[in-house]
N, C-alpha and C. Protein backbone atom coordinates (compact mmCIF):
# COMPACT_ATOMS: atom_id res chain seq x y z
N MET A 1 -11.83 58.66 58.32
CA MET A 1 -11.01 57.59 58.92
C MET A 1 -11.21 56.32 58.22
N SER A 2 -10.22 55.65 57.87
CA SER A 2 -10.28 54.42 57.24
C SER A 2 -10.27 53.17 58.18
N HIS A 3 -11.05 52.17 57.87
CA HIS A 3 -11.06 50.98 58.73
C HIS A 3 -9.93 50.10 58.34
N HIS A 4 -9.31 50.38 57.23
CA HIS A 4 -8.22 49.36 56.83
C HIS A 4 -6.90 49.88 57.60
N GLN A 5 -6.47 48.89 58.29
CA GLN A 5 -5.19 49.12 58.99
C GLN A 5 -4.03 48.52 58.11
N GLU A 6 -2.95 49.29 57.83
CA GLU A 6 -1.99 48.75 57.13
C GLU A 6 -0.88 48.14 58.19
N GLU A 7 -0.49 47.09 57.76
CA GLU A 7 0.48 46.36 58.67
C GLU A 7 1.86 46.97 58.30
N ASP A 8 2.67 47.33 59.36
CA ASP A 8 3.99 47.85 59.17
C ASP A 8 4.95 46.70 59.25
N LYS A 9 5.02 46.01 58.08
CA LYS A 9 5.96 44.84 58.03
C LYS A 9 7.41 45.32 57.73
N SER A 10 8.40 44.54 58.19
CA SER A 10 9.76 44.89 57.95
C SER A 10 10.26 43.84 57.09
N TYR A 11 10.80 44.11 56.07
CA TYR A 11 11.42 43.10 55.12
C TYR A 11 12.89 43.15 55.09
N ASP A 12 13.47 43.72 56.30
CA ASP A 12 14.88 43.69 56.31
C ASP A 12 15.56 42.37 56.43
N SER A 13 14.81 41.47 57.12
CA SER A 13 15.42 40.14 57.14
C SER A 13 15.62 39.42 55.93
N TYR A 14 14.68 39.69 54.89
CA TYR A 14 14.74 39.16 53.63
C TYR A 14 15.99 39.69 52.85
N PHE A 15 16.30 41.03 53.02
CA PHE A 15 17.48 41.51 52.44
C PHE A 15 18.56 41.03 52.89
N TYR A 16 18.72 40.81 54.19
CA TYR A 16 19.95 40.02 54.96
C TYR A 16 20.19 38.70 54.36
N ILE A 17 19.05 37.90 54.27
CA ILE A 17 19.27 36.57 53.76
C ILE A 17 19.69 36.48 52.47
N ILE A 18 19.15 37.35 51.53
CA ILE A 18 19.57 37.40 50.17
C ILE A 18 20.97 37.82 50.07
N GLY A 19 21.40 38.95 50.86
CA GLY A 19 22.73 39.40 50.68
C GLY A 19 23.71 38.28 51.20
N LEU A 20 23.24 37.56 52.34
CA LEU A 20 24.19 36.46 52.82
C LEU A 20 24.27 35.29 51.75
N LEU A 21 23.26 34.86 51.17
CA LEU A 21 23.29 33.83 50.25
C LEU A 21 24.00 34.15 49.00
N ALA A 22 23.87 35.44 48.56
CA ALA A 22 24.59 35.80 47.27
C ALA A 22 26.03 35.90 47.65
N GLY A 23 26.40 36.43 48.75
CA GLY A 23 27.77 36.53 49.26
C GLY A 23 28.43 35.06 49.39
N LEU A 24 27.74 34.19 49.85
CA LEU A 24 28.24 32.77 49.96
C LEU A 24 28.50 32.21 48.61
N PHE A 25 27.45 32.47 47.79
CA PHE A 25 27.65 31.97 46.37
C PHE A 25 28.84 32.57 45.66
N VAL A 26 28.93 33.90 45.71
CA VAL A 26 30.11 34.59 45.16
C VAL A 26 31.36 34.09 45.62
N GLY A 27 31.47 33.82 47.00
CA GLY A 27 32.72 33.44 47.67
C GLY A 27 33.01 31.99 47.20
N ALA A 28 32.10 31.13 46.91
CA ALA A 28 32.40 29.84 46.46
C ALA A 28 32.75 29.84 44.95
N ILE A 29 32.18 30.82 44.13
CA ILE A 29 32.63 30.90 42.79
C ILE A 29 34.00 31.43 42.53
N VAL A 30 34.47 32.17 43.47
CA VAL A 30 35.88 32.78 43.36
C VAL A 30 36.91 31.54 43.34
N ASN A 31 36.55 30.49 43.97
CA ASN A 31 37.41 29.33 43.92
C ASN A 31 38.88 29.41 44.33
N GLN A 32 39.13 30.37 45.21
CA GLN A 32 40.45 30.53 45.69
C GLN A 32 40.72 29.79 47.02
N GLY A 33 39.72 29.05 47.52
CA GLY A 33 39.81 28.34 48.67
C GLY A 33 38.53 28.53 49.63
N PHE A 34 38.45 27.83 50.69
CA PHE A 34 37.24 27.98 51.54
C PHE A 34 37.23 29.19 52.39
N VAL A 35 38.41 30.02 52.42
CA VAL A 35 38.41 31.26 53.21
C VAL A 35 37.54 32.41 52.63
N TRP A 36 37.39 32.26 51.16
CA TRP A 36 36.58 33.30 50.60
C TRP A 36 35.06 33.19 50.73
N ILE A 37 34.61 31.93 51.16
CA ILE A 37 33.20 31.74 51.40
C ILE A 37 32.61 32.61 52.43
N PRO A 38 33.19 32.54 53.70
CA PRO A 38 32.88 33.50 54.78
C PRO A 38 33.09 35.01 54.51
N VAL A 39 34.14 35.15 53.72
CA VAL A 39 34.39 36.67 53.27
C VAL A 39 33.32 37.15 52.36
N GLY A 40 32.93 36.24 51.55
CA GLY A 40 31.92 36.69 50.67
C GLY A 40 30.48 36.95 51.39
N ALA A 41 30.43 36.08 52.36
CA ALA A 41 29.09 36.15 53.20
C ALA A 41 29.21 37.47 53.99
N VAL A 42 30.17 37.95 54.57
CA VAL A 42 30.31 39.15 55.23
C VAL A 42 30.13 40.34 54.24
N LEU A 43 30.75 40.33 53.05
CA LEU A 43 30.62 41.31 52.18
C LEU A 43 29.11 41.48 51.57
N GLY A 44 28.48 40.23 51.62
CA GLY A 44 27.09 40.33 51.16
C GLY A 44 26.16 40.98 52.15
N LEU A 45 26.47 40.61 53.47
CA LEU A 45 25.65 41.26 54.56
C LEU A 45 26.02 42.79 54.50
N LEU A 46 27.09 43.18 54.35
CA LEU A 46 27.45 44.62 54.28
C LEU A 46 26.73 45.34 53.19
N THR A 47 26.64 44.60 52.08
CA THR A 47 25.85 45.21 50.97
C THR A 47 24.41 45.22 51.18
N ALA A 48 23.91 44.29 51.78
CA ALA A 48 22.58 44.31 52.22
C ALA A 48 22.15 45.54 53.20
N VAL A 49 23.23 45.77 54.18
CA VAL A 49 22.98 46.84 55.08
C VAL A 49 23.05 48.17 54.41
N LEU A 50 23.90 48.29 53.40
CA LEU A 50 24.00 49.59 52.79
C LEU A 50 22.78 49.74 51.89
N PHE A 51 22.21 48.65 51.14
CA PHE A 51 21.07 48.84 50.41
C PHE A 51 19.82 49.30 51.24
N ILE A 52 19.65 48.55 52.42
CA ILE A 52 18.65 48.96 53.32
C ILE A 52 18.63 50.41 53.73
N LYS A 53 19.89 50.89 54.24
CA LYS A 53 20.07 52.15 54.70
C LYS A 53 19.84 53.34 53.57
N LEU A 54 20.37 53.04 52.40
CA LEU A 54 20.34 54.17 51.29
C LEU A 54 19.13 54.03 50.43
N ALA A 55 18.74 52.83 50.12
CA ALA A 55 17.76 52.67 49.05
C ALA A 55 16.31 52.39 49.69
N VAL A 56 16.24 51.68 50.51
CA VAL A 56 14.84 51.07 51.14
C VAL A 56 14.32 52.14 52.10
N ARG A 57 15.01 52.69 53.04
CA ARG A 57 14.52 53.53 53.97
C ARG A 57 13.90 54.81 53.52
N GLY A 58 14.53 55.39 52.40
CA GLY A 58 14.03 56.63 51.74
C GLY A 58 12.73 56.46 51.01
N ARG A 59 12.53 55.22 50.57
CA ARG A 59 11.36 54.94 49.76
C ARG A 59 10.01 55.13 50.56
N GLY A 60 9.96 54.81 51.76
CA GLY A 60 8.78 54.89 52.56
C GLY A 60 8.41 56.39 52.78
N GLN A 61 9.21 57.19 52.89
CA GLN A 61 9.07 58.75 53.08
C GLN A 61 8.41 59.46 51.88
N SER A 62 8.87 58.92 50.65
CA SER A 62 8.27 59.57 49.44
C SER A 62 6.94 59.22 49.14
N GLU A 63 6.44 58.07 49.67
CA GLU A 63 5.10 57.68 49.37
C GLU A 63 4.03 58.39 50.29
N ALA A 64 4.46 59.03 51.35
CA ALA A 64 3.51 59.55 52.27
C ALA A 64 2.89 60.76 51.59
């Protein structure tokens, strides 16, 4: 038995923040009006959700 306890930290919020900021940035770069900024934010959040569901969740199972 090991005395070292691993903390089960969740980094999901970091992925959501990065996705949101990247989406806002891309929406602002599109330069078609202010409507695209929130659209970019939503698409960035959806991308973060897909990334977490497909890439990040499977990684912890393979390390066991």
